[in-house]
Amino acid sequence: MGIITVGAVRERAPGERRVALVPEAVTRLRQAGIDVLVEAGAGAGAWFADADYAAAGAAVVTAEELYERADAVLCVGLPDAETSVALRSGQALIGLLAPLGHPDRVDEWAERGITAVSLDLLPRTLSRAQSMDALTSQASVAGYKAVLVAADSYDRFLPMLTTAAGTSKPAAVLVLGAGVAGLQAIATARRLGAVVSAYDVRPASRGEVESLGARFLDLSAVTSGAGTGGYARELTEQEQRAQQEALDAHIARSDIVITTAQVPGRKPPLLVTAQALERMGPGSVVVDMAASDLGGNVELSKPDKTAVLYSGVTVIGAGNLPSAMATAASTAYARNIGALLTHLVRDGALVIDPDDEIQAGVVVTHGGEIVNQALAAVLVGSDGTLEGVS
C-alpha cells in the first residue's frame, strides 16, 4: 500500500489569513496514513507556528519542495495564476476554487491534466457530506463576525440597558438573507440583546428565523422565491422592484443592517439602494457581506472599505469576514478538508470515482477533461437570490 502526500500552501491573496490545515488536522491525517507537508509560514496569519505543525507530524518545507513532493495541494482560496504554474500533470488541487467565476482556470486545469476538487461545489443536501461542507462552516464564522463588526462601528448599545444615567433602547437590527450566515448573524445579534428582524424570499426560512427569537418580515408584494436544493431562486425584475420598495421602509427604520445574499459566480443582488441609505438615521451601520469586485448587496459598498455617507451612515464592505477570524475559520475549514480527503483516499491513493455523489459534485477536472457534468449548466444560469451560497 502506498502513502499519499498532501501539502498545505501559504495563501497569497491580499488580506487572506486562513490556512488549509491546522496542527490538529495534521495529527488526524497522519493517523489516517496520509503524509503531510506544510509550506513554511502557512499558518502564521492564523497564529499557528511552524513548530506546531512539526510537532503534529508535518514536514515544514519550502513552496518549491511542496509542489514537487505533494500528490495533492491544499489551499483555501483559488491560487493566483503565477502560483498555479507550479502545479504538475496528475497532481490534485483541493480548495474553495470558485470555478463558477473562473471558467478560464477550469480550462487550464483540464489542459494541464490537473485534478481540481472544489469544496464550494459540494452537494449540500447529502447528509453524509455535512462534515465536508466548507461553505457552511465559513458562512457561520462570517455571520457571527458581521455582527461584531457592526457593533464595533455602532456608537450606541445593542441591548437595552438601564443605569443610573437612564435607559437606552435596544438596537434594531435587520438581517437580509436567512441562510447559514444570516441565521448566525441573527443568533449573535440576539445574544447581544438587539431587537432583530430578518427577511428571506424563501417562506420556509420563517420558522428558522422565529426559532431564534427574531421577527420575520412579511412583504406582501413579493411572491415566494423558493428554488431547488434549499436555495432561493432568482427573482424576476418586477419581483425585485416590489421587494425593494417594500424593504426600503424597513431599512430606514433599522439601526444596523446586515446583508448576506450571494449567488455563485454571479453579481450579488442589490438589496440596499442609495435611496434607502439616505433615509437611514445618523449613526446607522450597514455591513455588506457580499461586497466583492463583482459588486455587493449595498449600492455604495466597496470590498474591504468602510465609508461614512450622507448624514452619518457607516457602510462596511465585508466580503471576507472568515479571514478576520482566521483561527476559528481555519480550524473549521481544516476539518472540512480533512473529511473530504478521507473520503477521497483509498489504499494510500487519491481515487476519483465519477459515480460517487459527492465526487460528482466537487471534482471539476480529472484526466485531462472537465468531468463535472453540472458545471456548464450552472455557469450559464444559477438559481438563488436572497441567500445564494451562504
Protein backbone atom coordinates (compact mmCIF):
# COMPACT_ATOMS: atom_id res chain seq x y z
CA MET A 1 0.00 0.00 0.00
CA GLY A 2 1.37 3.41 -0.98
CA ILE A 3 1.23 6.57 1.07
CA ILE A 4 -0.30 9.73 -0.33
CA THR A 5 1.32 13.08 0.46
CA VAL A 6 -0.71 16.26 0.79
CA GLY A 7 0.64 19.77 1.15
CA ALA A 8 -0.95 22.91 2.62
CA VAL A 9 0.30 26.06 0.90
CA ARG A 10 0.54 29.59 2.23
CA GLU A 11 -2.32 31.76 0.98
CA ARG A 12 -1.10 34.67 -1.11
CA ALA A 13 -4.30 36.63 -1.73
CA PRO A 14 -4.15 40.11 -0.16
CA GLY A 15 -5.65 40.10 3.33
CA GLU A 16 -6.18 36.32 3.44
CA ARG A 17 -5.05 34.97 6.82
CA ARG A 18 -6.60 31.50 6.77
CA VAL A 19 -4.73 28.25 6.17
CA ALA A 20 -6.00 24.96 4.74
CA LEU A 21 -4.68 22.77 7.56
CA VAL A 22 -4.14 23.38 11.27
CA PRO A 23 -1.90 21.24 13.51
CA GLU A 24 -4.92 19.40 14.95
CA ALA A 25 -5.92 18.30 11.44
CA VAL A 26 -2.36 17.21 10.65
CA THR A 27 -2.49 14.77 13.54
CA ARG A 28 -5.73 13.22 12.28
CA LEU A 29 -4.44 12.91 8.71
CA ARG A 30 -1.25 11.26 9.89
CA GLN A 31 -3.34 8.77 11.87
CA ALA A 32 -5.22 8.02 8.64
CA GLY A 33 -1.96 7.15 6.88
CA ILE A 34 -1.53 10.43 4.98
CA ASP A 35 1.80 12.24 4.90
CA VAL A 36 1.53 16.00 5.35
CA LEU A 37 3.69 18.86 4.10
CA VAL A 38 3.13 22.46 5.17
CA GLU A 39 4.71 25.45 3.47
CA ALA A 40 6.82 27.45 5.89
CA GLY A 41 4.80 30.32 7.34
CA ALA A 42 1.49 28.98 6.01
CA GLY A 43 -0.25 29.18 9.37
CA ALA A 44 1.26 32.42 10.64
CA GLY A 45 -1.76 34.56 9.77
CA ALA A 46 -3.97 32.28 11.86
CA TRP A 47 -1.44 32.10 14.71
CA PHE A 48 -0.21 28.57 14.00
CA ALA A 49 3.59 28.35 14.15
CA ASP A 50 5.74 26.11 12.00
CA ALA A 51 6.89 24.37 15.18
CA ASP A 52 3.27 23.44 15.96
CA TYR A 53 2.94 21.73 12.58
CA ALA A 54 6.23 19.88 13.03
CA ALA A 55 5.13 18.69 16.47
CA ALA A 56 1.91 17.35 14.93
CA GLY A 57 3.89 15.29 12.41
CA ALA A 58 4.04 17.53 9.33
CA ALA A 59 7.18 18.35 7.38
CA VAL A 60 7.63 22.11 7.06
CA VAL A 61 9.07 22.79 3.61
CA THR A 62 9.54 25.50 1.00
CA ALA A 63 6.88 26.15 -1.62
CA GLU A 64 9.09 24.60 -4.31
CA GLU A 65 9.56 21.39 -2.36
CA LEU A 66 5.88 21.19 -1.53
CA TYR A 67 4.80 21.39 -5.16
CA GLU A 68 7.46 18.86 -6.11
CA ARG A 69 6.54 16.26 -3.46
CA ALA A 70 2.80 16.65 -2.83
CA ASP A 71 0.27 14.44 -4.59
CA ALA A 72 -2.47 16.88 -3.56
CA VAL A 73 -2.04 20.61 -2.92
CA LEU A 74 -4.44 22.02 -0.33
CA CYS A 75 -5.49 25.66 -0.33
CA VAL A 76 -8.25 27.92 0.96
CA GLY A 77 -8.92 30.23 -1.98
CA LEU A 78 -8.06 29.99 -5.66
CA PRO A 79 -4.28 30.26 -6.12
CA ASP A 80 -3.11 33.08 -8.35
CA ALA A 81 -2.02 32.29 -11.90
CA GLU A 82 1.67 32.57 -11.04
CA THR A 83 1.37 30.09 -8.18
CA SER A 84 -0.72 27.70 -10.27
CA VAL A 85 2.12 27.34 -12.77
CA ALA A 86 3.90 25.17 -10.21
CA LEU A 87 1.17 22.52 -10.42
CA ARG A 88 2.05 19.47 -12.50
CA SER A 89 0.06 16.95 -14.51
CA GLY A 90 -1.50 14.28 -12.31
CA GLN A 91 -1.40 16.48 -9.23
CA ALA A 92 -4.58 17.39 -7.37
CA LEU A 93 -5.60 20.88 -6.24
CA ILE A 94 -8.19 20.95 -3.44
CA GLY A 95 -9.82 24.08 -2.03
CA LEU A 96 -12.55 26.67 -2.46
CA LEU A 97 -11.60 27.19 -6.09
CA ALA A 98 -14.67 29.18 -7.25
CA PRO A 99 -14.76 27.54 -10.70
CA LEU A 100 -18.09 29.22 -11.49
CA GLY A 101 -16.34 32.57 -11.62
CA HIS A 102 -13.15 31.35 -13.30
CA PRO A 103 -14.02 29.23 -16.35
CA ASP A 104 -10.63 30.05 -17.91
CA ARG A 105 -8.88 28.38 -14.98
CA VAL A 106 -11.09 25.33 -15.35
CA ASP A 107 -9.96 25.01 -18.97
CA GLU A 108 -6.33 25.41 -17.88
CA TRP A 109 -6.60 22.66 -15.25
CA ALA A 110 -8.08 20.28 -17.80
CA GLU A 111 -5.44 21.05 -20.41
CA ARG A 112 -2.62 20.54 -17.92
CA GLY A 113 -4.00 17.28 -16.52
CA ILE A 114 -4.65 18.62 -13.04
CA THR A 115 -7.34 17.08 -10.84
CA ALA A 116 -9.21 20.08 -9.44
CA VAL A 117 -11.52 19.49 -6.48
CA SER A 118 -13.62 22.44 -5.32
CA LEU A 119 -15.38 22.32 -1.97
CA ASP A 120 -17.74 25.13 -2.93
CA LEU A 121 -19.49 22.71 -5.32
CA LEU A 122 -20.26 20.18 -2.58
CA PRO A 123 -23.83 18.79 -2.78
CA ARG A 124 -25.15 20.31 0.43
CA THR A 125 -28.31 18.22 0.51
CA LEU A 126 -26.34 14.99 1.16
CA SER A 127 -26.28 14.25 4.87
CA ARG A 128 -23.01 12.31 4.59
CA ALA A 129 -21.33 15.38 3.11
CA GLN A 130 -22.09 17.67 6.06
CA SER A 131 -18.67 17.20 7.67
CA MET A 132 -17.08 18.41 4.40
CA ASP A 133 -19.31 21.48 3.95
CA ALA A 134 -16.79 24.31 3.96
CA LEU A 135 -19.29 26.87 2.68
CA THR A 136 -21.45 26.29 5.75
CA SER A 137 -18.56 26.41 8.21
CA GLN A 138 -17.15 29.61 6.73
CA ALA A 139 -20.56 31.26 6.41
CA SER A 140 -21.23 30.57 10.08
CA VAL A 141 -18.00 32.31 11.05
CA ALA A 142 -18.83 35.21 8.74
CA GLY A 143 -22.34 35.68 10.13
CA TYR A 144 -21.02 35.81 13.69
CA LYS A 145 -18.24 38.23 12.83
CA ALA A 146 -20.56 40.52 10.83
CA VAL A 147 -22.50 41.40 13.98
CA LEU A 148 -19.32 42.12 15.94
CA VAL A 149 -18.06 44.37 13.13
CA ALA A 150 -21.38 46.21 13.09
CA ALA A 151 -21.45 46.55 16.88
CA ASP A 152 -17.92 47.97 16.87
CA SER A 153 -18.96 50.75 14.47
CA TYR A 154 -22.32 51.41 16.14
CA ASP A 155 -21.92 54.22 18.66
CA ARG A 156 -24.71 53.04 20.93
CA PHE A 157 -25.52 49.95 22.96
CA LEU A 158 -27.03 46.90 21.30
CA PRO A 159 -29.06 45.72 24.33
CA MET A 160 -31.49 47.76 26.37
CA LEU A 161 -29.58 49.00 29.40
CA THR A 162 -30.99 50.64 32.48
CA THR A 163 -28.47 52.54 34.56
CA ALA A 164 -28.39 55.47 36.97
CA ALA A 165 -27.81 57.64 33.91
CA GLY A 166 -31.04 56.47 32.31
CA THR A 167 -32.29 53.78 29.96
CA SER A 168 -31.00 53.09 26.46
CA LYS A 169 -33.30 51.40 23.97
CA PRO A 170 -32.10 48.24 22.20
CA ALA A 171 -30.71 48.50 18.68
CA ALA A 172 -32.97 47.46 15.81
CA VAL A 173 -31.05 45.00 13.63
CA LEU A 174 -32.26 43.87 10.21
CA VAL A 175 -30.69 40.79 8.59
CA LEU A 176 -31.33 40.27 4.88
CA GLY A 177 -30.97 36.62 3.96
CA ALA A 178 -31.67 33.72 6.32
CA GLY A 179 -29.22 31.10 5.16
CA VAL A 180 -26.35 29.89 7.33
CA ALA A 181 -24.64 33.30 7.53
CA GLY A 182 -27.90 35.13 8.14
CA LEU A 183 -29.07 32.75 10.85
CA GLN A 184 -25.75 33.01 12.66
CA ALA A 185 -25.97 36.81 12.44
CA ILE A 186 -29.49 36.71 13.86
CA ALA A 187 -28.44 34.46 16.74
CA THR A 188 -25.41 36.60 17.55
CA ALA A 189 -27.34 39.88 17.48
CA ARG A 190 -29.98 38.35 19.73
CA ARG A 191 -27.31 37.19 22.20
CA LEU A 192 -26.06 40.76 22.33
CA GLY A 193 -29.56 41.96 23.21
CA ALA A 194 -30.66 43.60 19.96
CA VAL A 195 -34.19 43.52 18.61
CA VAL A 196 -33.80 41.55 15.38
CA SER A 197 -35.86 41.31 12.21
CA ALA A 198 -35.00 39.27 9.15
CA TYR A 199 -36.16 38.68 5.61
CA ASP A 200 -35.66 35.96 3.04
CA VAL A 201 -37.58 35.25 -0.14
CA ARG A 202 -37.98 31.60 0.89
CA PRO A 203 -41.09 31.16 3.05
CA ALA A 204 -39.58 28.04 4.63
CA SER A 205 -37.00 30.20 6.38
CA ARG A 206 -39.68 31.82 8.58
CA GLY A 207 -39.59 29.00 11.11
CA GLU A 208 -35.81 29.15 11.42
CA VAL A 209 -35.84 32.92 11.89
CA GLU A 210 -38.58 32.83 14.51
CA SER A 211 -36.93 29.93 16.37
CA LEU A 212 -34.02 32.28 17.06
CA GLY A 213 -36.30 34.92 18.54
CA ALA A 214 -36.32 37.26 15.55
CA ARG A 215 -39.29 38.68 13.67
CA PHE A 216 -39.75 37.53 10.08
CA LEU A 217 -40.72 40.36 7.75
CA ASP A 218 -43.82 39.83 5.64
CA LEU A 219 -43.52 41.63 2.32
CA SER A 220 -46.95 41.07 0.82
CA ALA A 221 -45.88 42.43 -2.56
CA VAL A 222 -43.29 39.66 -3.01
CA THR A 223 -44.20 36.12 -4.03
CA SER A 224 -42.26 33.05 -2.90
CA GLY A 225 -38.66 32.94 -4.06
CA ALA A 226 -38.06 29.33 -3.10
CA GLY A 227 -35.85 27.47 -5.55
CA THR A 228 -34.34 23.99 -5.69
CA GLY A 229 -31.94 22.35 -3.26
CA GLY A 230 -32.77 24.71 -0.41
CA TYR A 231 -31.59 27.80 -2.25
CA ALA A 232 -33.57 30.82 -3.30
CA ARG A 233 -34.38 31.30 -6.96
CA GLU A 234 -33.51 34.45 -8.85
CA LEU A 235 -36.41 36.90 -8.74
CA THR A 236 -37.82 38.46 -11.87
CA GLU A 237 -37.18 42.15 -12.50
CA GLN A 238 -40.74 43.01 -11.45
CA GLU A 239 -40.43 40.94 -8.27
CA GLN A 240 -37.12 42.61 -7.46
CA ARG A 241 -38.70 46.07 -7.76
CA ALA A 242 -41.58 45.07 -5.49
CA GLN A 243 -39.16 43.57 -2.98
CA GLN A 244 -37.01 46.70 -2.99
CA GLU A 245 -39.89 49.08 -2.43
CA ALA A 246 -41.14 47.01 0.48
CA LEU A 247 -37.67 46.63 2.01
CA ASP A 248 -36.75 50.31 1.85
CA ALA A 249 -39.16 51.28 4.61
CA HIS A 250 -37.81 48.58 6.95
CA ILE A 251 -34.21 49.53 6.17
CA ALA A 252 -34.92 53.18 7.03
CA ARG A 253 -36.16 52.17 10.50
CA SER A 254 -33.16 49.96 11.28
CA ASP A 255 -30.08 50.92 13.28
CA ILE A 256 -27.99 48.09 11.83
CA VAL A 257 -28.49 46.23 8.54
CA ILE A 258 -26.52 43.09 7.65
CA THR A 259 -26.80 41.68 4.13
CA THR A 260 -25.79 38.10 3.26
CA ALA A 261 -27.06 37.41 -0.28
CA GLN A 262 -24.63 35.83 -2.73
CA VAL A 263 -25.03 33.95 -6.00
CA PRO A 264 -22.20 31.60 -7.05
CA GLY A 265 -20.14 33.11 -9.86
CA ARG A 266 -22.50 36.00 -10.43
CA LYS A 267 -23.07 39.57 -9.30
CA PRO A 268 -24.80 39.68 -5.90
CA PRO A 269 -28.37 41.03 -5.89
CA LEU A 270 -28.82 44.69 -4.90
CA LEU A 271 -30.83 44.88 -1.67
CA VAL A 272 -29.93 48.25 -0.15
CA THR A 273 -30.07 51.15 -2.58
CA ALA A 274 -28.50 54.58 -2.21
CA GLN A 275 -32.00 55.97 -1.63
CA ALA A 276 -32.52 53.53 1.23
CA LEU A 277 -29.18 54.52 2.78
CA GLU A 278 -30.12 58.17 2.57
CA ARG A 279 -33.27 57.51 4.59
CA MET A 280 -31.40 55.82 7.46
CA GLY A 281 -30.71 57.73 10.65
CA PRO A 282 -27.36 59.22 11.66
CA GLY A 283 -25.11 56.64 13.30
CA SER A 284 -26.70 53.69 11.49
CA VAL A 285 -24.43 50.89 10.28
CA VAL A 286 -24.70 48.67 7.20
CA VAL A 287 -22.48 45.59 6.78
CA ASP A 288 -22.38 44.13 3.25
CA MET A 289 -21.16 40.54 3.47
CA ALA A 290 -21.43 40.17 -0.30
CA ALA A 291 -19.10 43.05 -1.17
CA SER A 292 -16.69 41.95 -3.92
CA ASP A 293 -15.21 43.07 -7.20
CA LEU A 294 -18.47 41.92 -8.82
CA GLY A 295 -20.49 44.31 -6.67
CA GLY A 296 -22.44 43.82 -3.46
CA ASN A 297 -25.85 43.85 -1.82
CA VAL A 298 -25.40 47.52 -0.89
CA GLU A 299 -25.23 50.03 -3.71
CA LEU A 300 -22.34 52.14 -2.39
CA SER A 301 -20.27 49.46 -0.63
CA LYS A 302 -16.73 48.65 -1.67
CA PRO A 303 -14.87 45.45 -0.77
CA ASP A 304 -12.72 45.84 2.34
CA LYS A 305 -13.62 49.51 2.63
CA THR A 306 -15.56 51.50 5.23
CA ALA A 307 -17.27 54.76 4.32
CA VAL A 308 -19.47 57.22 6.21
CA LEU A 309 -22.18 58.51 3.87
CA TYR A 310 -24.98 61.06 3.86
CA SER A 311 -25.90 62.18 7.39
CA GLY A 312 -23.68 59.64 9.11
CA VAL A 313 -24.47 56.13 7.82
CA THR A 314 -21.45 53.82 8.04
CA VAL A 315 -21.25 51.33 5.15
CA ILE A 316 -18.80 48.45 5.59
CA GLY A 317 -17.83 46.21 2.68
CA ALA A 318 -17.00 42.95 4.45
CA GLY A 319 -16.75 40.25 1.81
CA ASN A 320 -14.12 38.09 3.53
CA LEU A 321 -15.08 38.02 7.19
CA PRO A 322 -13.84 34.46 7.81
CA SER A 323 -10.30 35.75 7.27
CA ALA A 324 -10.89 38.26 10.07
CA MET A 325 -11.42 35.25 12.39
CA ALA A 326 -8.64 33.23 10.85
CA THR A 327 -8.01 30.85 13.75
CA ALA A 328 -11.61 29.70 14.11
CA ALA A 329 -12.25 29.72 10.37
CA SER A 330 -9.08 27.74 9.60
CA THR A 331 -9.84 25.18 12.27
CA ALA A 332 -13.32 24.56 10.84
CA TYR A 333 -12.07 24.55 7.26
CA ALA A 334 -9.29 22.08 8.08
CA ARG A 335 -11.88 19.68 9.49
CA ASN A 336 -13.91 20.01 6.28
CA ILE A 337 -10.93 19.38 4.04
CA GLY A 338 -9.77 16.50 6.24
CA ALA A 339 -13.17 14.84 5.98
CA LEU A 340 -13.09 15.22 2.20
CA LEU A 341 -9.58 13.76 1.98
CA THR A 342 -10.51 10.68 3.99
CA HIS A 343 -13.43 10.21 1.59
CA LEU A 344 -11.22 10.51 -1.50
CA VAL A 345 -8.21 8.48 -0.35
CA ARG A 346 -8.29 4.70 -0.69
CA ASP A 347 -5.31 2.39 -0.05
CA GLY A 348 -2.89 5.28 0.01
CA ALA A 349 -4.01 6.94 -3.22
CA LEU A 350 -6.49 9.56 -4.37
CA VAL A 351 -9.29 7.61 -6.03
CA ILE A 352 -11.59 9.50 -8.37
CA ASP A 353 -14.98 7.81 -8.75
CA PRO A 354 -17.42 9.68 -11.04
CA ASP A 355 -20.30 7.51 -9.78
CA ASP A 356 -19.87 8.77 -6.22
CA GLU A 357 -22.43 11.52 -5.48
CA ILE A 358 -20.00 13.66 -3.52
CA GLN A 359 -17.23 13.39 -6.08
CA ALA A 360 -19.64 14.07 -8.93
CA GLY A 361 -20.27 17.42 -7.28
CA VAL A 362 -16.78 18.52 -6.23
CA VAL A 363 -14.41 17.08 -8.84
CA VAL A 364 -14.08 19.68 -11.58
CA THR A 365 -11.32 18.30 -13.81
CA HIS A 366 -9.54 14.94 -13.99
CA GLY A 367 -7.52 13.03 -16.55
CA GLY A 368 -7.27 15.99 -18.89
CA GLU A 369 -11.02 16.60 -19.05
CA ILE A 370 -13.74 18.68 -17.42
CA VAL A 371 -15.67 15.94 -15.63
CA ASN A 372 -18.19 17.98 -13.64
CA GLN A 373 -21.43 17.48 -15.55
CA ALA A 374 -23.34 20.20 -13.71
CA LEU A 375 -20.68 22.89 -14.04
CA ALA A 376 -21.54 24.06 -17.55
CA ALA A 377 -25.24 24.40 -16.73
CA VAL A 378 -24.54 26.34 -13.54
CA LEU A 379 -22.16 28.68 -15.35
CA VAL A 380 -24.94 29.53 -17.80
CA GLY A 381 -27.55 30.27 -15.14
CA SER A 382 -27.65 29.61 -11.41
CA ASP A 383 -30.71 29.98 -9.20
CA GLY A 384 -30.51 31.93 -5.98
CA THR A 385 -31.15 35.48 -4.86
CA LEU A 386 -31.52 36.29 -1.22
CA GLU A 387 -29.26 33.59 0.13
CA GLY A 388 -27.08 32.10 -2.56
CA VAL A 389 -24.06 30.27 -1.27
CA SER A 390 -24.07 31.45 2.32
